[in-house]
Amino acid sequence: MTPQTLAAEATTAEVWALTEGDTLLACMILTPKPDHLYLGKLATAPDHRGRGLARRMITHAEARARALHLPALQLQTRIELTENHATFHRLGFHEIARTAHPGYDRPTSLTFAKPLTPQGDLP
């Protein structure tokens, strides 16, 4: 993504970023849907991975979903990014669908969901 595509996304969705000075550490795009908050383009700078930034971003996405009275988060990831799948499982997501991009006869993406409990309730 470029700054221009992020700016375009910001017209219909929420763009969130973690920075340190002028350095972009992590970012995500949150798009409200009727029954969930879609978490798109979650990314962490390669030299800042393993520091809990994705967890911080997802925790913020959960807070935004609750504020919007949405009961779940959803995201998609490419099927070959198995390290991401493991991370999302550790963060409480579970796989709900497999889809294929046009022209492919096999799944190319996985959809993950994380149901949310209201803030203050015990899981």
N, C-alpha and C. Protein backbone atom coordinates (compact mmCIF):
# COMPACT_ATOMS: atom_id res chain seq x y z
N MET A 1 0.84 -1.18 0.00
CA MET A 1 0.00 0.00 0.00
C MET A 1 0.88 1.24 0.00
N THR A 2 0.33 2.28 -0.54
CA THR A 2 1.03 3.56 -0.59
C THR A 2 0.30 4.55 0.31
N PRO A 3 0.91 5.69 0.63
CA PRO A 3 0.19 6.71 1.39
C PRO A 3 -1.12 7.13 0.69
N GLN A 4 -1.12 7.12 -0.63
CA GLN A 4 -2.33 7.50 -1.37
C GLN A 4 -3.44 6.46 -1.21
N THR A 5 -3.09 5.17 -1.25
CA THR A 5 -4.13 4.15 -1.06
C THR A 5 -4.63 4.14 0.37
N LEU A 6 -3.74 4.39 1.33
CA LEU A 6 -4.19 4.49 2.72
C LEU A 6 -5.13 5.68 2.90
N ALA A 7 -4.80 6.79 2.27
CA ALA A 7 -5.67 7.97 2.35
C ALA A 7 -7.03 7.66 1.74
N ALA A 8 -7.06 6.94 0.64
CA ALA A 8 -8.33 6.56 0.02
C ALA A 8 -9.13 5.65 0.95
N GLU A 9 -8.45 4.69 1.60
CA GLU A 9 -9.12 3.80 2.56
C GLU A 9 -9.72 4.59 3.71
N ALA A 10 -9.04 5.64 4.13
CA ALA A 10 -9.48 6.43 5.27
C ALA A 10 -10.78 7.17 5.00
N THR A 11 -11.22 7.24 3.76
CA THR A 11 -12.50 7.90 3.46
C THR A 11 -13.68 7.02 3.83
N THR A 12 -13.48 5.69 3.92
CA THR A 12 -14.58 4.78 4.23
C THR A 12 -14.28 3.87 5.42
N ALA A 13 -13.08 3.96 5.97
CA ALA A 13 -12.68 3.08 7.07
C ALA A 13 -11.79 3.86 8.02
N GLU A 14 -11.44 3.22 9.13
CA GLU A 14 -10.53 3.82 10.10
C GLU A 14 -9.13 3.29 9.84
N VAL A 15 -8.16 4.17 9.70
CA VAL A 15 -6.77 3.78 9.55
C VAL A 15 -6.06 4.11 10.86
N TRP A 16 -5.42 3.11 11.46
CA TRP A 16 -4.73 3.26 12.73
C TRP A 16 -3.27 2.90 12.56
N ALA A 17 -2.40 3.60 13.27
CA ALA A 17 -0.97 3.34 13.17
C ALA A 17 -0.29 3.53 14.52
N LEU A 18 0.76 2.77 14.72
CA LEU A 18 1.67 2.96 15.85
C LEU A 18 2.96 3.51 15.27
N THR A 19 3.43 4.59 15.84
CA THR A 19 4.66 5.21 15.35
C THR A 19 5.63 5.45 16.50
N GLU A 20 6.87 5.62 16.14
CA GLU A 20 7.91 6.00 17.08
C GLU A 20 8.68 7.10 16.37
N GLY A 21 8.42 8.34 16.77
CA GLY A 21 8.97 9.46 16.01
C GLY A 21 8.36 9.46 14.62
N ASP A 22 9.19 9.47 13.60
CA ASP A 22 8.71 9.43 12.22
C ASP A 22 8.66 8.01 11.66
N THR A 23 8.92 7.01 12.51
CA THR A 23 8.97 5.63 12.04
C THR A 23 7.62 4.95 12.23
N LEU A 24 7.08 4.40 11.16
CA LEU A 24 5.84 3.64 11.23
C LEU A 24 6.17 2.24 11.71
N LEU A 25 5.59 1.84 12.86
CA LEU A 25 5.86 0.53 13.45
C LEU A 25 4.82 -0.50 13.04
N ALA A 26 3.55 -0.09 13.01
CA ALA A 26 2.47 -1.01 12.68
C ALA A 26 1.27 -0.19 12.21
N CYS A 27 0.42 -0.84 11.41
CA CYS A 27 -0.79 -0.17 10.97
C CYS A 27 -1.88 -1.20 10.71
N MET A 28 -3.11 -0.72 10.63
CA MET A 28 -4.26 -1.56 10.30
C MET A 28 -5.38 -0.68 9.80
N ILE A 29 -6.31 -1.30 9.09
CA ILE A 29 -7.51 -0.63 8.60
C ILE A 29 -8.71 -1.35 9.20
N LEU A 30 -9.61 -0.61 9.82
CA LEU A 30 -10.81 -1.18 10.44
C LEU A 30 -12.04 -0.72 9.66
N THR A 31 -12.84 -1.69 9.22
CA THR A 31 -14.04 -1.38 8.44
C THR A 31 -15.25 -2.01 9.12
N PRO A 32 -16.20 -1.20 9.59
CA PRO A 32 -17.41 -1.76 10.19
C PRO A 32 -18.26 -2.48 9.15
N LYS A 33 -18.70 -3.67 9.49
CA LYS A 33 -19.63 -4.48 8.70
C LYS A 33 -20.86 -4.70 9.58
N PRO A 34 -21.96 -5.19 9.03
CA PRO A 34 -23.17 -5.35 9.85
C PRO A 34 -23.00 -6.23 11.10
N ASP A 35 -22.17 -7.30 11.01
CA ASP A 35 -22.06 -8.22 12.15
C ASP A 35 -20.64 -8.39 12.67
N HIS A 36 -19.71 -7.55 12.23
CA HIS A 36 -18.34 -7.63 12.72
C HIS A 36 -17.56 -6.38 12.31
N LEU A 37 -16.39 -6.23 12.91
CA LEU A 37 -15.45 -5.20 12.49
C LEU A 37 -14.35 -5.92 11.72
N TYR A 38 -14.18 -5.53 10.46
CA TYR A 38 -13.18 -6.17 9.61
C TYR A 38 -11.84 -5.50 9.83
N LEU A 39 -10.84 -6.31 10.15
CA LEU A 39 -9.49 -5.84 10.41
C LEU A 39 -8.66 -6.17 9.16
N GLY A 40 -8.32 -5.14 8.41
CA GLY A 40 -7.58 -5.35 7.16
C GLY A 40 -6.20 -4.75 7.21
N LYS A 41 -5.34 -5.30 6.42
CA LYS A 41 -3.99 -4.78 6.20
C LYS A 41 -3.20 -4.60 7.49
N LEU A 42 -3.40 -5.48 8.45
CA LEU A 42 -2.59 -5.44 9.67
C LEU A 42 -1.14 -5.73 9.29
N ALA A 43 -0.26 -4.81 9.60
CA ALA A 43 1.14 -4.99 9.24
C ALA A 43 2.03 -4.42 10.33
N THR A 44 3.15 -5.10 10.54
CA THR A 44 4.16 -4.65 11.49
C THR A 44 5.48 -4.55 10.73
N ALA A 45 6.21 -3.48 10.96
CA ALA A 45 7.51 -3.31 10.31
C ALA A 45 8.40 -4.51 10.64
N PRO A 46 9.06 -5.08 9.64
CA PRO A 46 9.86 -6.30 9.87
C PRO A 46 10.85 -6.19 11.02
N ASP A 47 11.51 -5.06 11.18
CA ASP A 47 12.51 -4.94 12.24
C ASP A 47 11.90 -4.64 13.60
N HIS A 48 10.56 -4.62 13.68
CA HIS A 48 9.88 -4.39 14.97
C HIS A 48 8.96 -5.55 15.34
N ARG A 49 9.05 -6.65 14.60
CA ARG A 49 8.21 -7.82 14.90
C ARG A 49 8.70 -8.50 16.17
N GLY A 50 7.76 -9.20 16.82
CA GLY A 50 8.10 -9.91 18.05
C GLY A 50 8.08 -9.03 19.28
N ARG A 51 7.53 -7.82 19.17
CA ARG A 51 7.48 -6.88 20.29
C ARG A 51 6.06 -6.65 20.81
N GLY A 52 5.11 -7.45 20.33
CA GLY A 52 3.74 -7.31 20.80
C GLY A 52 2.93 -6.23 20.10
N LEU A 53 3.44 -5.70 19.00
CA LEU A 53 2.71 -4.63 18.31
C LEU A 53 1.41 -5.12 17.68
N ALA A 54 1.43 -6.31 17.08
CA ALA A 54 0.19 -6.85 16.50
C ALA A 54 -0.85 -7.06 17.59
N ARG A 55 -0.42 -7.55 18.73
CA ARG A 55 -1.34 -7.74 19.86
C ARG A 55 -1.94 -6.39 20.29
N ARG A 56 -1.11 -5.36 20.35
CA ARG A 56 -1.63 -4.02 20.71
C ARG A 56 -2.65 -3.54 19.69
N MET A 57 -2.37 -3.76 18.42
CA MET A 57 -3.29 -3.32 17.38
C MET A 57 -4.61 -4.08 17.49
N ILE A 58 -4.55 -5.38 17.71
CA ILE A 58 -5.77 -6.19 17.82
C ILE A 58 -6.54 -5.82 19.07
N THR A 59 -5.86 -5.54 20.16
CA THR A 59 -6.54 -5.09 21.38
C THR A 59 -7.29 -3.79 21.10
N HIS A 60 -6.68 -2.90 20.34
CA HIS A 60 -7.35 -1.66 19.98
C HIS A 60 -8.54 -1.94 19.06
N ALA A 61 -8.39 -2.86 18.12
CA ALA A 61 -9.50 -3.22 17.23
C ALA A 61 -10.67 -3.78 18.04
N GLU A 62 -10.38 -4.58 19.05
CA GLU A 62 -11.43 -5.11 19.93
C GLU A 62 -12.17 -3.97 20.62
N ALA A 63 -11.44 -2.99 21.12
CA ALA A 63 -12.06 -1.84 21.79
C ALA A 63 -12.94 -1.06 20.81
N ARG A 64 -12.47 -0.89 19.59
CA ARG A 64 -13.26 -0.18 18.57
C ARG A 64 -14.53 -0.97 18.25
N ALA A 65 -14.42 -2.28 18.11
CA ALA A 65 -15.60 -3.11 17.83
C ALA A 65 -16.62 -2.97 18.95
N ARG A 66 -16.17 -3.03 20.18
CA ARG A 66 -17.10 -2.87 21.31
C ARG A 66 -17.75 -1.49 21.29
N ALA A 67 -16.96 -0.46 21.00
CA ALA A 67 -17.50 0.90 20.95
C ALA A 67 -18.55 1.05 19.85
N LEU A 68 -18.39 0.26 18.78
CA LEU A 68 -19.35 0.29 17.67
C LEU A 68 -20.46 -0.74 17.85
N HIS A 69 -20.47 -1.42 19.00
CA HIS A 69 -21.47 -2.45 19.33
C HIS A 69 -21.47 -3.59 18.32
N LEU A 70 -20.27 -3.98 17.90
CA LEU A 70 -20.12 -5.11 16.99
C LEU A 70 -19.57 -6.30 17.78
N PRO A 71 -20.13 -7.49 17.56
CA PRO A 71 -19.81 -8.63 18.42
C PRO A 71 -18.55 -9.42 18.07
N ALA A 72 -17.85 -9.05 16.99
CA ALA A 72 -16.71 -9.87 16.58
C ALA A 72 -15.76 -9.08 15.70
N LEU A 73 -14.54 -9.61 15.62
CA LEU A 73 -13.56 -9.14 14.64
C LEU A 73 -13.43 -10.22 13.57
N GLN A 74 -13.14 -9.80 12.35
CA GLN A 74 -12.79 -10.74 11.28
C GLN A 74 -11.60 -10.20 10.52
N LEU A 75 -10.83 -11.12 9.96
CA LEU A 75 -9.70 -10.74 9.11
C LEU A 75 -9.45 -11.88 8.13
N GLN A 76 -8.70 -11.56 7.09
CA GLN A 76 -8.29 -12.57 6.12
C GLN A 76 -6.78 -12.55 6.00
N THR A 77 -6.22 -13.71 5.68
CA THR A 77 -4.79 -13.82 5.45
C THR A 77 -4.57 -14.84 4.33
N ARG A 78 -3.49 -14.66 3.61
CA ARG A 78 -3.17 -15.60 2.55
C ARG A 78 -2.87 -16.97 3.14
N ILE A 79 -3.24 -17.99 2.43
CA ILE A 79 -3.13 -19.35 2.92
C ILE A 79 -1.69 -19.76 3.21
N GLU A 80 -0.73 -19.21 2.45
CA GLU A 80 0.66 -19.61 2.63
C GLU A 80 1.34 -18.94 3.83
N LEU A 81 0.69 -17.98 4.46
CA LEU A 81 1.30 -17.26 5.59
C LEU A 81 1.01 -17.99 6.91
N THR A 82 1.54 -19.19 7.02
CA THR A 82 1.22 -20.05 8.16
C THR A 82 1.67 -19.45 9.50
N GLU A 83 2.72 -18.67 9.49
CA GLU A 83 3.15 -18.01 10.73
C GLU A 83 2.08 -17.04 11.21
N ASN A 84 1.44 -16.34 10.28
CA ASN A 84 0.34 -15.44 10.66
C ASN A 84 -0.84 -16.23 11.22
N HIS A 85 -1.14 -17.38 10.63
CA HIS A 85 -2.25 -18.21 11.13
C HIS A 85 -2.01 -18.57 12.59
N ALA A 86 -0.79 -18.98 12.90
CA ALA A 86 -0.46 -19.35 14.28
C ALA A 86 -0.60 -18.16 15.21
N THR A 87 -0.15 -17.00 14.76
CA THR A 87 -0.29 -15.79 15.58
C THR A 87 -1.75 -15.48 15.85
N PHE A 88 -2.59 -15.54 14.82
CA PHE A 88 -4.00 -15.23 15.01
C PHE A 88 -4.67 -16.24 15.94
N HIS A 89 -4.30 -17.51 15.83
CA HIS A 89 -4.84 -18.52 16.75
C HIS A 89 -4.45 -18.16 18.19
N ARG A 90 -3.20 -17.80 18.41
CA ARG A 90 -2.74 -17.43 19.77
C ARG A 90 -3.50 -16.22 20.29
N LEU A 91 -3.94 -15.34 19.40
CA LEU A 91 -4.66 -14.13 19.80
C LEU A 91 -6.17 -14.33 19.90
N GLY A 92 -6.63 -15.58 19.82
CA GLY A 92 -8.03 -15.88 20.05
C GLY A 92 -8.91 -15.99 18.81
N PHE A 93 -8.32 -15.96 17.63
CA PHE A 93 -9.09 -16.10 16.39
C PHE A 93 -9.22 -17.57 16.02
N HIS A 94 -10.27 -17.89 15.27
CA HIS A 94 -10.43 -19.23 14.73
C HIS A 94 -10.85 -19.12 13.26
N GLU A 95 -10.45 -20.10 12.49
CA GLU A 95 -10.75 -20.10 11.05
C GLU A 95 -12.23 -20.36 10.82
N ILE A 96 -12.84 -19.54 9.96
CA ILE A 96 -14.26 -19.73 9.65
C ILE A 96 -14.53 -19.97 8.17
N ALA A 97 -13.54 -19.71 7.30
CA ALA A 97 -13.77 -19.91 5.87
C ALA A 97 -12.46 -19.95 5.11
N ARG A 98 -12.53 -20.59 3.94
CA ARG A 98 -11.43 -20.59 2.98
C ARG A 98 -12.02 -20.12 1.65
N THR A 99 -11.33 -19.20 1.01
CA THR A 99 -11.82 -18.66 -0.25
C THR A 99 -10.69 -18.66 -1.28
N ALA A 100 -11.09 -18.58 -2.55
CA ALA A 100 -10.13 -18.56 -3.64
C ALA A 100 -10.26 -17.25 -4.41
N HIS A 101 -9.12 -16.69 -4.77
CA HIS A 101 -9.13 -15.53 -5.64
C HIS A 101 -9.59 -15.96 -7.03
N PRO A 102 -10.15 -15.05 -7.82
CA PRO A 102 -10.59 -15.41 -9.17
C PRO A 102 -9.46 -16.07 -9.97
N GLY A 103 -9.83 -17.15 -10.64
CA GLY A 103 -8.86 -17.86 -11.48
C GLY A 103 -8.15 -19.01 -10.79
N TYR A 104 -8.36 -19.18 -9.48
CA TYR A 104 -7.72 -20.27 -8.74
C TYR A 104 -8.75 -21.35 -8.42
N ASP A 105 -8.32 -22.61 -8.51
CA ASP A 105 -9.22 -23.72 -8.20
C ASP A 105 -8.98 -24.29 -6.81
N ARG A 106 -8.19 -23.58 -6.02
CA ARG A 106 -7.92 -23.99 -4.64
C ARG A 106 -7.99 -22.76 -3.75
N PRO A 107 -8.17 -22.95 -2.44
CA PRO A 107 -8.22 -21.79 -1.55
C PRO A 107 -6.91 -21.01 -1.58
N THR A 108 -7.03 -19.69 -1.54
CA THR A 108 -5.86 -18.82 -1.49
C THR A 108 -5.87 -17.94 -0.24
N SER A 109 -7.01 -17.87 0.44
CA SER A 109 -7.13 -17.04 1.64
C SER A 109 -7.92 -17.77 2.72
N LEU A 110 -7.58 -17.47 3.97
CA LEU A 110 -8.34 -17.96 5.12
C LEU A 110 -8.99 -16.78 5.80
N THR A 111 -10.21 -16.97 6.25
CA THR A 111 -10.91 -15.95 7.04
C THR A 111 -10.92 -16.42 8.48
N PHE A 112 -10.53 -15.52 9.37
CA PHE A 112 -10.51 -15.79 10.81
C PHE A 112 -11.49 -14.86 11.51
N ALA A 113 -12.08 -15.34 12.60
CA ALA A 113 -13.00 -14.52 13.41
C ALA A 113 -12.62 -14.64 14.88
N LYS A 114 -12.94 -13.59 15.60
CA LYS A 114 -12.77 -13.60 17.05
C LYS A 114 -14.01 -12.99 17.67
N PRO A 115 -14.87 -13.82 18.29
CA PRO A 115 -16.03 -13.28 18.98
C PRO A 115 -15.57 -12.48 20.19
N LEU A 116 -16.30 -11.44 20.50
CA LEU A 116 -15.94 -10.57 21.62
C LEU A 116 -17.00 -10.65 22.70
N THR A 117 -16.52 -10.64 23.94
CA THR A 117 -17.43 -10.50 25.06
C THR A 117 -17.51 -9.03 25.39
N PRO A 118 -18.63 -8.56 25.94
CA PRO A 118 -18.69 -7.15 26.34
C PRO A 118 -17.59 -6.84 27.34
N GLN A 119 -17.06 -5.63 27.27
CA GLN A 119 -15.98 -5.21 28.17
C GLN A 119 -16.44 -5.38 29.62
N GLY A 120 -15.57 -5.94 30.40
CA GLY A 120 -15.88 -6.11 31.82
C GLY A 120 -16.42 -7.50 32.12
N ASP A 121 -16.94 -8.21 31.10
CA ASP A 121 -17.41 -9.56 31.32
C ASP A 121 -16.23 -10.52 31.29
N LEU A 122 -16.31 -11.57 32.03
CA LEU A 122 -15.29 -12.59 31.99
C LEU A 122 -15.54 -13.48 30.79
N PRO A 123 -14.48 -13.88 30.08
CA PRO A 123 -14.67 -14.74 28.91
C PRO A 123 -15.19 -16.11 29.28
